Amino acid sequence: MKTRPIGYHNKSLVFSADIQVSVPESGFLFQIGRSGDPDFYPAISFSGSEGFIFDQEGEFIGGYRQNELFNISGNYFYGDQSMSGDVLIDHTGEARFSYFLNGNLISNNINGQTGFLEMIHFEDYDNQNNLFFEIIKETGASNVIRDSGSSYLLSSEGYYLGYLD
């Protein structure tokens, strides 16, 4: 398993990962999360096996072919938070997540574990696969709009409504 630091991200963000699998049968595991001693705590996770791609819930979301790049991208909305001096306080322990496969929205409004994202793990079983990862944008703290009942607001197309701070 390859583990790489990505910096310390405690804000909402947009990411993109291009993955290339040389031997479809070998599979892969791609996770974004935070490290701990001695464990890794994933907030976002995707896996592949024999040409099939699965999300963190184990749901089939698509497929891949030998040596062809595919893209998994997403919007990660950090949970409710506030600042006290220089300390970020997480109030809910719950984040929201939307993701895309090759530019197509697959799932939206997923509840997930909040956390400071600082590492990526990429396991390719036979060391034959490639991962090209980038954080496209950090969007700031708590920028998803909620109504008075604390429900997240979505557009008619199913996208989160938000603002930049």
N, C-alpha and C. Protein backbone atom coordinates (compact mmCIF):
# COMPACT_ATOMS: atom_id res chain seq x y z
N MET A 1 0.84 -1.17 0.00
CA MET A 1 0.00 0.00 0.00
C MET A 1 0.89 1.23 0.00
N LYS A 2 0.56 2.19 -0.84
CA LYS A 2 1.29 3.45 -0.90
C LYS A 2 0.50 4.49 -0.11
N THR A 3 1.17 5.18 0.78
CA THR A 3 0.55 6.23 1.56
C THR A 3 1.31 7.51 1.32
N ARG A 4 0.57 8.57 0.98
CA ARG A 4 1.20 9.85 0.70
C ARG A 4 0.48 10.95 1.44
N PRO A 5 1.22 11.87 2.03
CA PRO A 5 0.57 13.04 2.65
C PRO A 5 0.05 13.98 1.57
N ILE A 6 -1.06 14.62 1.84
CA ILE A 6 -1.63 15.59 0.89
C ILE A 6 -1.75 16.97 1.54
N GLY A 7 -1.11 17.16 2.67
CA GLY A 7 -1.28 18.40 3.42
C GLY A 7 -2.39 18.20 4.43
N TYR A 8 -2.68 19.22 5.16
CA TYR A 8 -3.65 19.12 6.24
C TYR A 8 -4.90 19.88 5.83
N HIS A 9 -5.97 19.17 5.48
CA HIS A 9 -7.18 19.79 4.96
C HIS A 9 -8.32 19.61 5.95
N ASN A 10 -8.75 20.72 6.53
CA ASN A 10 -9.86 20.67 7.47
C ASN A 10 -10.98 21.59 6.98
N LYS A 11 -11.11 21.66 5.68
CA LYS A 11 -12.14 22.49 5.05
C LYS A 11 -12.81 21.67 3.96
N SER A 12 -13.90 22.19 3.45
CA SER A 12 -14.54 21.55 2.31
C SER A 12 -13.58 21.60 1.13
N LEU A 13 -13.64 20.59 0.26
CA LEU A 13 -12.71 20.56 -0.86
C LEU A 13 -13.30 19.81 -2.05
N VAL A 14 -12.66 20.03 -3.19
CA VAL A 14 -12.98 19.32 -4.43
C VAL A 14 -11.72 18.56 -4.82
N PHE A 15 -11.85 17.27 -5.12
CA PHE A 15 -10.67 16.47 -5.49
C PHE A 15 -10.90 15.76 -6.82
N SER A 16 -9.81 15.32 -7.41
CA SER A 16 -9.86 14.55 -8.65
C SER A 16 -8.77 13.48 -8.60
N ALA A 17 -9.13 12.26 -8.98
CA ALA A 17 -8.17 11.16 -9.01
C ALA A 17 -8.31 10.42 -10.33
N ASP A 18 -7.23 10.39 -11.11
CA ASP A 18 -7.18 9.56 -12.31
C ASP A 18 -6.47 8.27 -11.94
N ILE A 19 -7.09 7.16 -12.29
CA ILE A 19 -6.54 5.85 -11.94
C ILE A 19 -6.37 5.04 -13.22
N GLN A 20 -5.25 4.35 -13.31
CA GLN A 20 -4.96 3.47 -14.44
C GLN A 20 -4.59 2.10 -13.88
N VAL A 21 -5.30 1.08 -14.33
CA VAL A 21 -5.09 -0.28 -13.84
C VAL A 21 -4.49 -1.12 -14.98
N SER A 22 -3.30 -1.64 -14.74
CA SER A 22 -2.62 -2.43 -15.76
C SER A 22 -3.17 -3.84 -15.88
N VAL A 23 -3.52 -4.43 -14.75
CA VAL A 23 -4.07 -5.79 -14.73
C VAL A 23 -5.42 -5.72 -13.99
N PRO A 24 -6.54 -5.69 -14.72
CA PRO A 24 -7.85 -5.52 -14.06
C PRO A 24 -8.10 -6.50 -12.93
N GLU A 25 -7.61 -7.71 -13.04
CA GLU A 25 -7.83 -8.72 -12.01
C GLU A 25 -7.13 -8.36 -10.70
N SER A 26 -6.08 -7.52 -10.79
CA SER A 26 -5.31 -7.18 -9.59
C SER A 26 -6.09 -6.27 -8.65
N GLY A 27 -6.97 -5.44 -9.20
CA GLY A 27 -7.78 -4.55 -8.39
C GLY A 27 -7.00 -3.36 -7.84
N PHE A 28 -7.70 -2.54 -7.05
CA PHE A 28 -7.09 -1.38 -6.42
C PHE A 28 -7.95 -0.96 -5.22
N LEU A 29 -7.36 -0.15 -4.36
CA LEU A 29 -8.07 0.47 -3.26
C LEU A 29 -7.55 1.90 -3.15
N PHE A 30 -8.46 2.89 -3.20
CA PHE A 30 -8.10 4.30 -3.13
C PHE A 30 -8.89 4.93 -1.98
N GLN A 31 -8.17 5.54 -1.03
CA GLN A 31 -8.81 6.14 0.14
C GLN A 31 -8.19 7.49 0.46
N ILE A 32 -9.05 8.40 0.96
CA ILE A 32 -8.60 9.69 1.47
C ILE A 32 -9.04 9.74 2.93
N GLY A 33 -8.14 10.10 3.81
CA GLY A 33 -8.51 10.13 5.22
C GLY A 33 -7.44 10.75 6.08
N ARG A 34 -7.43 10.32 7.32
CA ARG A 34 -6.43 10.84 8.26
C ARG A 34 -5.71 9.67 8.91
N SER A 35 -4.50 9.93 9.30
CA SER A 35 -3.70 8.89 9.93
C SER A 35 -3.95 8.89 11.43
N GLY A 36 -3.67 7.77 12.02
CA GLY A 36 -3.75 7.62 13.47
C GLY A 36 -2.74 6.57 13.86
N ASP A 37 -2.53 6.41 15.09
CA ASP A 37 -1.55 5.42 15.52
C ASP A 37 -2.26 4.22 16.09
N PRO A 38 -2.23 3.07 15.48
CA PRO A 38 -1.46 2.71 14.28
C PRO A 38 -2.33 2.67 13.02
N ASP A 39 -3.55 3.15 13.08
CA ASP A 39 -4.51 2.95 12.00
C ASP A 39 -4.60 4.13 11.04
N PHE A 40 -5.34 3.89 9.97
CA PHE A 40 -5.71 4.90 9.00
C PHE A 40 -7.22 5.01 9.04
N TYR A 41 -7.76 6.22 9.07
CA TYR A 41 -9.20 6.42 9.17
C TYR A 41 -9.72 7.04 7.88
N PRO A 42 -10.29 6.22 6.98
CA PRO A 42 -10.75 6.77 5.70
C PRO A 42 -12.07 7.53 5.85
N ALA A 43 -12.16 8.66 5.15
CA ALA A 43 -13.41 9.39 5.04
C ALA A 43 -14.03 9.14 3.67
N ILE A 44 -13.17 8.85 2.68
CA ILE A 44 -13.61 8.60 1.30
C ILE A 44 -12.88 7.35 0.83
N SER A 45 -13.60 6.43 0.19
CA SER A 45 -12.98 5.17 -0.20
C SER A 45 -13.62 4.61 -1.47
N PHE A 46 -12.78 4.14 -2.40
CA PHE A 46 -13.22 3.46 -3.61
C PHE A 46 -12.33 2.25 -3.83
N SER A 47 -12.89 1.20 -4.41
CA SER A 47 -12.10 0.01 -4.69
C SER A 47 -12.49 -0.54 -6.07
N GLY A 48 -11.61 -1.37 -6.59
CA GLY A 48 -11.87 -2.01 -7.86
C GLY A 48 -11.42 -3.45 -7.82
N SER A 49 -12.16 -4.28 -8.54
CA SER A 49 -11.83 -5.70 -8.61
C SER A 49 -12.34 -6.26 -9.92
N GLU A 50 -11.44 -6.88 -10.67
CA GLU A 50 -11.78 -7.56 -11.92
C GLU A 50 -12.58 -6.68 -12.87
N GLY A 51 -12.23 -5.38 -12.93
CA GLY A 51 -12.87 -4.46 -13.85
C GLY A 51 -14.09 -3.74 -13.31
N PHE A 52 -14.49 -4.01 -12.07
CA PHE A 52 -15.65 -3.38 -11.46
C PHE A 52 -15.20 -2.37 -10.40
N ILE A 53 -15.89 -1.22 -10.31
CA ILE A 53 -15.57 -0.18 -9.34
C ILE A 53 -16.68 -0.12 -8.30
N PHE A 54 -16.28 0.01 -7.02
CA PHE A 54 -17.24 0.07 -5.91
C PHE A 54 -16.94 1.29 -5.05
N ASP A 55 -18.00 1.86 -4.46
CA ASP A 55 -17.80 3.00 -3.56
C ASP A 55 -17.63 2.53 -2.12
N GLN A 56 -17.58 3.46 -1.19
CA GLN A 56 -17.31 3.13 0.21
C GLN A 56 -18.43 2.33 0.86
N GLU A 57 -19.60 2.31 0.25
CA GLU A 57 -20.70 1.50 0.76
C GLU A 57 -20.71 0.10 0.14
N GLY A 58 -19.76 -0.16 -0.76
CA GLY A 58 -19.71 -1.45 -1.44
C GLY A 58 -20.65 -1.53 -2.64
N GLU A 59 -21.20 -0.37 -3.05
CA GLU A 59 -22.12 -0.32 -4.19
C GLU A 59 -21.33 -0.28 -5.50
N PHE A 60 -21.77 -1.07 -6.47
CA PHE A 60 -21.18 -1.06 -7.80
C PHE A 60 -21.49 0.28 -8.46
N ILE A 61 -20.46 0.97 -8.99
CA ILE A 61 -20.69 2.27 -9.61
C ILE A 61 -20.22 2.36 -11.06
N GLY A 62 -19.50 1.37 -11.54
CA GLY A 62 -19.02 1.41 -12.92
C GLY A 62 -17.91 0.40 -13.14
N GLY A 63 -17.22 0.58 -14.25
CA GLY A 63 -16.17 -0.38 -14.58
C GLY A 63 -14.93 0.31 -15.12
N TYR A 64 -13.89 -0.48 -15.29
CA TYR A 64 -12.64 0.02 -15.85
C TYR A 64 -12.05 -1.04 -16.77
N ARG A 65 -11.18 -0.57 -17.67
CA ARG A 65 -10.51 -1.47 -18.62
C ARG A 65 -9.00 -1.37 -18.45
N GLN A 66 -8.34 -2.39 -18.90
CA GLN A 66 -6.89 -2.45 -18.80
C GLN A 66 -6.23 -1.23 -19.43
N ASN A 67 -5.34 -0.60 -18.67
CA ASN A 67 -4.51 0.53 -19.08
C ASN A 67 -5.27 1.79 -19.50
N GLU A 68 -6.58 1.86 -19.29
CA GLU A 68 -7.34 3.06 -19.61
C GLU A 68 -7.57 3.88 -18.35
N LEU A 69 -7.26 5.17 -18.43
CA LEU A 69 -7.49 6.07 -17.31
C LEU A 69 -8.98 6.24 -17.07
N PHE A 70 -9.37 6.25 -15.81
CA PHE A 70 -10.73 6.67 -15.45
C PHE A 70 -10.59 7.66 -14.31
N ASN A 71 -11.60 8.50 -14.15
CA ASN A 71 -11.52 9.58 -13.18
C ASN A 71 -12.62 9.45 -12.13
N ILE A 72 -12.21 9.55 -10.88
CA ILE A 72 -13.14 9.66 -9.76
C ILE A 72 -12.90 11.02 -9.15
N SER A 73 -13.93 11.84 -9.11
CA SER A 73 -13.80 13.16 -8.52
C SER A 73 -14.93 13.35 -7.53
N GLY A 74 -14.80 14.35 -6.69
CA GLY A 74 -15.84 14.54 -5.71
C GLY A 74 -15.77 15.86 -4.99
N ASN A 75 -16.86 16.14 -4.29
CA ASN A 75 -16.99 17.31 -3.44
C ASN A 75 -17.17 16.81 -2.02
N TYR A 76 -16.28 17.22 -1.15
CA TYR A 76 -16.34 16.81 0.25
C TYR A 76 -16.68 18.04 1.07
N PHE A 77 -17.80 18.00 1.77
CA PHE A 77 -18.25 19.11 2.59
C PHE A 77 -18.05 18.76 4.04
N TYR A 78 -17.13 19.44 4.65
CA TYR A 78 -16.79 19.20 6.05
C TYR A 78 -18.00 19.48 6.93
N GLY A 79 -18.11 18.80 8.06
CA GLY A 79 -19.24 18.97 8.97
C GLY A 79 -19.30 20.36 9.59
N ASP A 80 -20.35 20.63 10.34
CA ASP A 80 -20.50 21.92 11.03
C ASP A 80 -19.29 22.18 11.91
N GLN A 81 -18.80 23.38 11.86
CA GLN A 81 -17.60 23.69 12.60
C GLN A 81 -17.58 25.17 12.96
N SER A 82 -16.72 25.51 13.88
CA SER A 82 -16.51 26.90 14.24
C SER A 82 -15.07 27.06 14.70
N MET A 83 -14.63 28.28 14.79
CA MET A 83 -13.27 28.57 15.23
C MET A 83 -13.30 29.14 16.63
N SER A 84 -12.35 28.73 17.45
CA SER A 84 -12.13 29.31 18.76
C SER A 84 -10.64 29.65 18.82
N GLY A 85 -10.32 30.91 18.56
CA GLY A 85 -8.92 31.28 18.39
C GLY A 85 -8.39 30.64 17.13
N ASP A 86 -7.34 29.84 17.25
CA ASP A 86 -6.79 29.13 16.11
C ASP A 86 -7.21 27.67 16.08
N VAL A 87 -8.18 27.29 16.92
CA VAL A 87 -8.59 25.89 17.01
C VAL A 87 -9.91 25.69 16.27
N LEU A 88 -9.95 24.72 15.38
CA LEU A 88 -11.17 24.37 14.66
C LEU A 88 -11.94 23.35 15.48
N ILE A 89 -13.21 23.61 15.74
CA ILE A 89 -14.03 22.70 16.53
C ILE A 89 -15.08 22.08 15.62
N ASP A 90 -15.13 20.76 15.59
CA ASP A 90 -16.10 20.01 14.79
C ASP A 90 -17.30 19.72 15.69
N HIS A 91 -18.49 20.18 15.28
CA HIS A 91 -19.67 20.07 16.12
C HIS A 91 -20.48 18.80 15.89
N THR A 92 -20.40 18.21 14.72
CA THR A 92 -21.32 17.11 14.42
C THR A 92 -20.66 15.77 14.20
N GLY A 93 -19.42 15.75 13.74
CA GLY A 93 -18.79 14.50 13.36
C GLY A 93 -19.35 13.94 12.08
N GLU A 94 -20.12 14.74 11.35
CA GLU A 94 -20.74 14.25 10.11
C GLU A 94 -20.41 15.19 8.95
N ALA A 95 -19.99 14.61 7.86
CA ALA A 95 -19.68 15.37 6.66
C ALA A 95 -20.64 14.94 5.55
N ARG A 96 -20.62 15.64 4.46
CA ARG A 96 -21.41 15.30 3.27
C ARG A 96 -20.45 15.09 2.12
N PHE A 97 -20.86 14.25 1.18
CA PHE A 97 -19.97 13.87 0.11
C PHE A 97 -20.78 13.60 -1.15
N SER A 98 -20.29 14.10 -2.28
CA SER A 98 -20.85 13.79 -3.60
C SER A 98 -19.68 13.34 -4.46
N TYR A 99 -19.93 12.39 -5.37
CA TYR A 99 -18.82 11.98 -6.23
C TYR A 99 -19.28 11.69 -7.64
N PHE A 100 -18.29 11.72 -8.55
CA PHE A 100 -18.51 11.57 -9.97
C PHE A 100 -17.56 10.48 -10.49
N LEU A 101 -18.01 9.76 -11.50
CA LEU A 101 -17.16 8.81 -12.22
C LEU A 101 -17.11 9.29 -13.66
N ASN A 102 -15.92 9.63 -14.13
CA ASN A 102 -15.71 10.15 -15.48
C ASN A 102 -16.65 11.32 -15.79
N GLY A 103 -16.84 12.20 -14.82
CA GLY A 103 -17.65 13.40 -15.01
C GLY A 103 -19.14 13.23 -14.82
N ASN A 104 -19.59 12.02 -14.58
CA ASN A 104 -21.02 11.76 -14.37
C ASN A 104 -21.32 11.63 -12.89
N LEU A 105 -22.30 12.40 -12.41
CA LEU A 105 -22.68 12.33 -11.01
C LEU A 105 -23.21 10.94 -10.70
N ILE A 106 -22.61 10.28 -9.72
CA ILE A 106 -23.02 8.94 -9.33
C ILE A 106 -23.85 8.98 -8.06
N SER A 107 -23.37 9.72 -7.07
CA SER A 107 -24.09 9.77 -5.81
C SER A 107 -23.93 11.14 -5.17
N ASN A 108 -24.99 11.58 -4.52
CA ASN A 108 -25.01 12.91 -3.93
C ASN A 108 -25.59 12.84 -2.53
N ASN A 109 -25.18 13.76 -1.69
CA ASN A 109 -25.77 13.89 -0.36
C ASN A 109 -25.51 12.68 0.53
N ILE A 110 -24.32 12.13 0.45
CA ILE A 110 -23.95 10.97 1.27
C ILE A 110 -23.49 11.47 2.64
N ASN A 111 -24.01 10.87 3.68
CA ASN A 111 -23.48 11.14 5.02
C ASN A 111 -22.16 10.42 5.16
N GLY A 112 -21.22 11.06 5.78
CA GLY A 112 -19.93 10.41 5.96
C GLY A 112 -19.24 10.89 7.21
N GLN A 113 -18.11 10.29 7.44
CA GLN A 113 -17.32 10.65 8.61
C GLN A 113 -16.55 11.93 8.32
N THR A 114 -16.66 12.87 9.21
CA THR A 114 -15.86 14.07 9.06
C THR A 114 -14.46 13.79 9.60
N GLY A 115 -13.56 14.60 9.24
CA GLY A 115 -12.21 14.41 9.73
C GLY A 115 -11.25 15.28 8.97
N PHE A 116 -10.09 15.45 9.52
CA PHE A 116 -9.07 16.21 8.86
C PHE A 116 -8.42 15.32 7.82
N LEU A 117 -8.58 15.66 6.56
CA LEU A 117 -8.03 14.84 5.48
C LEU A 117 -6.57 15.21 5.29
N GLU A 118 -5.70 14.22 5.42
CA GLU A 118 -4.27 14.51 5.34
C GLU A 118 -3.47 13.47 4.57
N MET A 119 -4.08 12.34 4.25
CA MET A 119 -3.33 11.26 3.59
C MET A 119 -4.19 10.62 2.51
N ILE A 120 -3.51 10.08 1.50
CA ILE A 120 -4.17 9.17 0.57
C ILE A 120 -3.49 7.82 0.68
N HIS A 121 -4.29 6.79 0.57
CA HIS A 121 -3.78 5.42 0.49
C HIS A 121 -4.17 4.89 -0.88
N PHE A 122 -3.23 4.21 -1.50
CA PHE A 122 -3.50 3.58 -2.79
C PHE A 122 -2.86 2.21 -2.77
N GLU A 123 -3.69 1.20 -2.78
CA GLU A 123 -3.21 -0.18 -2.80
C GLU A 123 -3.54 -0.76 -4.16
N ASP A 124 -2.50 -1.26 -4.82
CA ASP A 124 -2.73 -1.83 -6.15
C ASP A 124 -2.31 -3.29 -6.25
N TYR A 125 -2.10 -3.92 -5.13
CA TYR A 125 -1.91 -5.36 -4.99
C TYR A 125 -0.70 -5.93 -5.71
N ASP A 126 -0.43 -5.52 -6.94
CA ASP A 126 0.74 -6.02 -7.65
C ASP A 126 1.69 -4.90 -8.06
N ASN A 127 1.50 -3.71 -7.50
CA ASN A 127 2.34 -2.56 -7.79
C ASN A 127 2.41 -2.27 -9.29
N GLN A 128 1.27 -2.44 -9.97
CA GLN A 128 1.23 -2.25 -11.42
C GLN A 128 0.32 -1.12 -11.86
N ASN A 129 -0.32 -0.41 -10.92
CA ASN A 129 -1.32 0.59 -11.27
C ASN A 129 -0.82 1.99 -10.95
N ASN A 130 -1.47 2.99 -11.52
CA ASN A 130 -1.08 4.38 -11.33
C ASN A 130 -2.23 5.20 -10.77
N LEU A 131 -1.89 6.16 -9.91
CA LEU A 131 -2.84 7.10 -9.35
C LEU A 131 -2.30 8.51 -9.55
N PHE A 132 -3.12 9.39 -10.13
CA PHE A 132 -2.78 10.80 -10.30
C PHE A 132 -3.84 11.58 -9.52
N PHE A 133 -3.44 12.16 -8.39
CA PHE A 133 -4.39 12.77 -7.47
C PHE A 133 -4.12 14.26 -7.31
N GLU A 134 -5.19 15.05 -7.23
CA GLU A 134 -5.02 16.46 -6.93
C GLU A 134 -6.22 17.00 -6.17
N ILE A 135 -5.95 17.96 -5.33
CA ILE A 135 -7.01 18.72 -4.70
C ILE A 135 -7.19 19.95 -5.56
N ILE A 136 -8.35 20.05 -6.18
CA ILE A 136 -8.59 21.12 -7.13
C ILE A 136 -8.86 22.43 -6.42
N LYS A 137 -9.60 22.36 -5.32
CA LYS A 137 -9.97 23.58 -4.64
C LYS A 137 -10.37 23.29 -3.21
N GLU A 138 -9.88 24.10 -2.30
CA GLU A 138 -10.40 24.12 -0.94
C GLU A 138 -11.37 25.27 -0.88
N THR A 139 -12.58 25.00 -0.45
CA THR A 139 -13.63 26.01 -0.56
C THR A 139 -13.92 26.75 0.72
N GLY A 140 -13.16 26.49 1.77
CA GLY A 140 -13.38 27.21 3.01
C GLY A 140 -14.23 26.41 3.97
N ALA A 141 -14.47 26.96 5.11
CA ALA A 141 -15.18 26.26 6.17
C ALA A 141 -16.69 26.41 6.04
N SER A 142 -17.39 25.33 6.33
CA SER A 142 -18.85 25.30 6.45
C SER A 142 -19.55 26.21 5.45
N ASN A 143 -19.48 25.87 4.19
CA ASN A 143 -20.05 26.76 3.18
C ASN A 143 -21.27 26.18 2.48
N VAL A 144 -21.82 25.11 2.97
CA VAL A 144 -23.04 24.55 2.39
C VAL A 144 -24.23 25.19 3.10
N ILE A 145 -25.18 25.69 2.33
CA ILE A 145 -26.32 26.41 2.89
C ILE A 145 -27.33 25.42 3.46
N ARG A 146 -27.84 25.72 4.64
CA ARG A 146 -28.89 24.93 5.28
C ARG A 146 -30.13 25.80 5.48
N ASP A 147 -31.29 25.16 5.52
CA ASP A 147 -32.50 25.90 5.84
C ASP A 147 -32.68 25.97 7.36
N SER A 148 -33.78 26.57 7.82
CA SER A 148 -33.99 26.75 9.26
C SER A 148 -34.16 25.43 10.00
N GLY A 149 -34.47 24.36 9.29
CA GLY A 149 -34.60 23.04 9.90
C GLY A 149 -33.31 22.24 9.84
N SER A 150 -32.21 22.88 9.49
CA SER A 150 -30.88 22.27 9.40
C SER A 150 -30.73 21.26 8.27
N SER A 151 -31.62 21.32 7.27
CA SER A 151 -31.48 20.45 6.09
C SER A 151 -30.58 21.13 5.07
N TYR A 152 -29.70 20.36 4.44
CA TYR A 152 -28.86 20.91 3.40
C TYR A 152 -29.73 21.24 2.19
N LEU A 153 -29.45 22.35 1.53
CA LEU A 153 -30.24 22.78 0.39
C LEU A 153 -29.58 22.32 -0.90
N LEU A 154 -30.39 21.77 -1.80
CA LEU A 154 -29.92 21.27 -3.08
C LEU A 154 -30.62 22.03 -4.20
N SER A 155 -29.92 22.19 -5.32
CA SER A 155 -30.53 22.79 -6.49
C SER A 155 -31.47 21.79 -7.15
N SER A 156 -32.22 22.24 -8.16
CA SER A 156 -33.13 21.33 -8.86
C SER A 156 -32.37 20.22 -9.59
N GLU A 157 -31.05 20.44 -9.85
CA GLU A 157 -30.23 19.41 -10.50
C GLU A 157 -29.58 18.49 -9.48
N GLY A 158 -29.84 18.71 -8.18
CA GLY A 158 -29.30 17.84 -7.16
C GLY A 158 -27.93 18.23 -6.64
N TYR A 159 -27.47 19.46 -6.91
CA TYR A 159 -26.18 19.92 -6.40
C TYR A 159 -26.39 20.73 -5.14
N TYR A 160 -25.42 20.67 -4.24
CA TYR A 160 -25.49 21.48 -3.04
C TYR A 160 -25.45 22.96 -3.39
N LEU A 161 -26.20 23.76 -2.65
CA LEU A 161 -26.12 25.21 -2.76
C LEU A 161 -25.17 25.69 -1.68
N GLY A 162 -24.30 26.57 -2.04
CA GLY A 162 -23.32 27.02 -1.07
C GLY A 162 -22.85 28.43 -1.37
N TYR A 163 -21.88 28.86 -0.64
CA TYR A 163 -21.30 30.18 -0.81
C TYR A 163 -19.81 30.07 -0.51
N LEU A 164 -19.07 31.02 -0.98
CA LEU A 164 -17.64 31.08 -0.68
C LEU A 164 -17.44 32.05 0.45
N ASP A 165 -16.61 31.65 1.41
CA ASP A 165 -16.34 32.56 2.51
C ASP A 165 -14.97 33.19 2.38
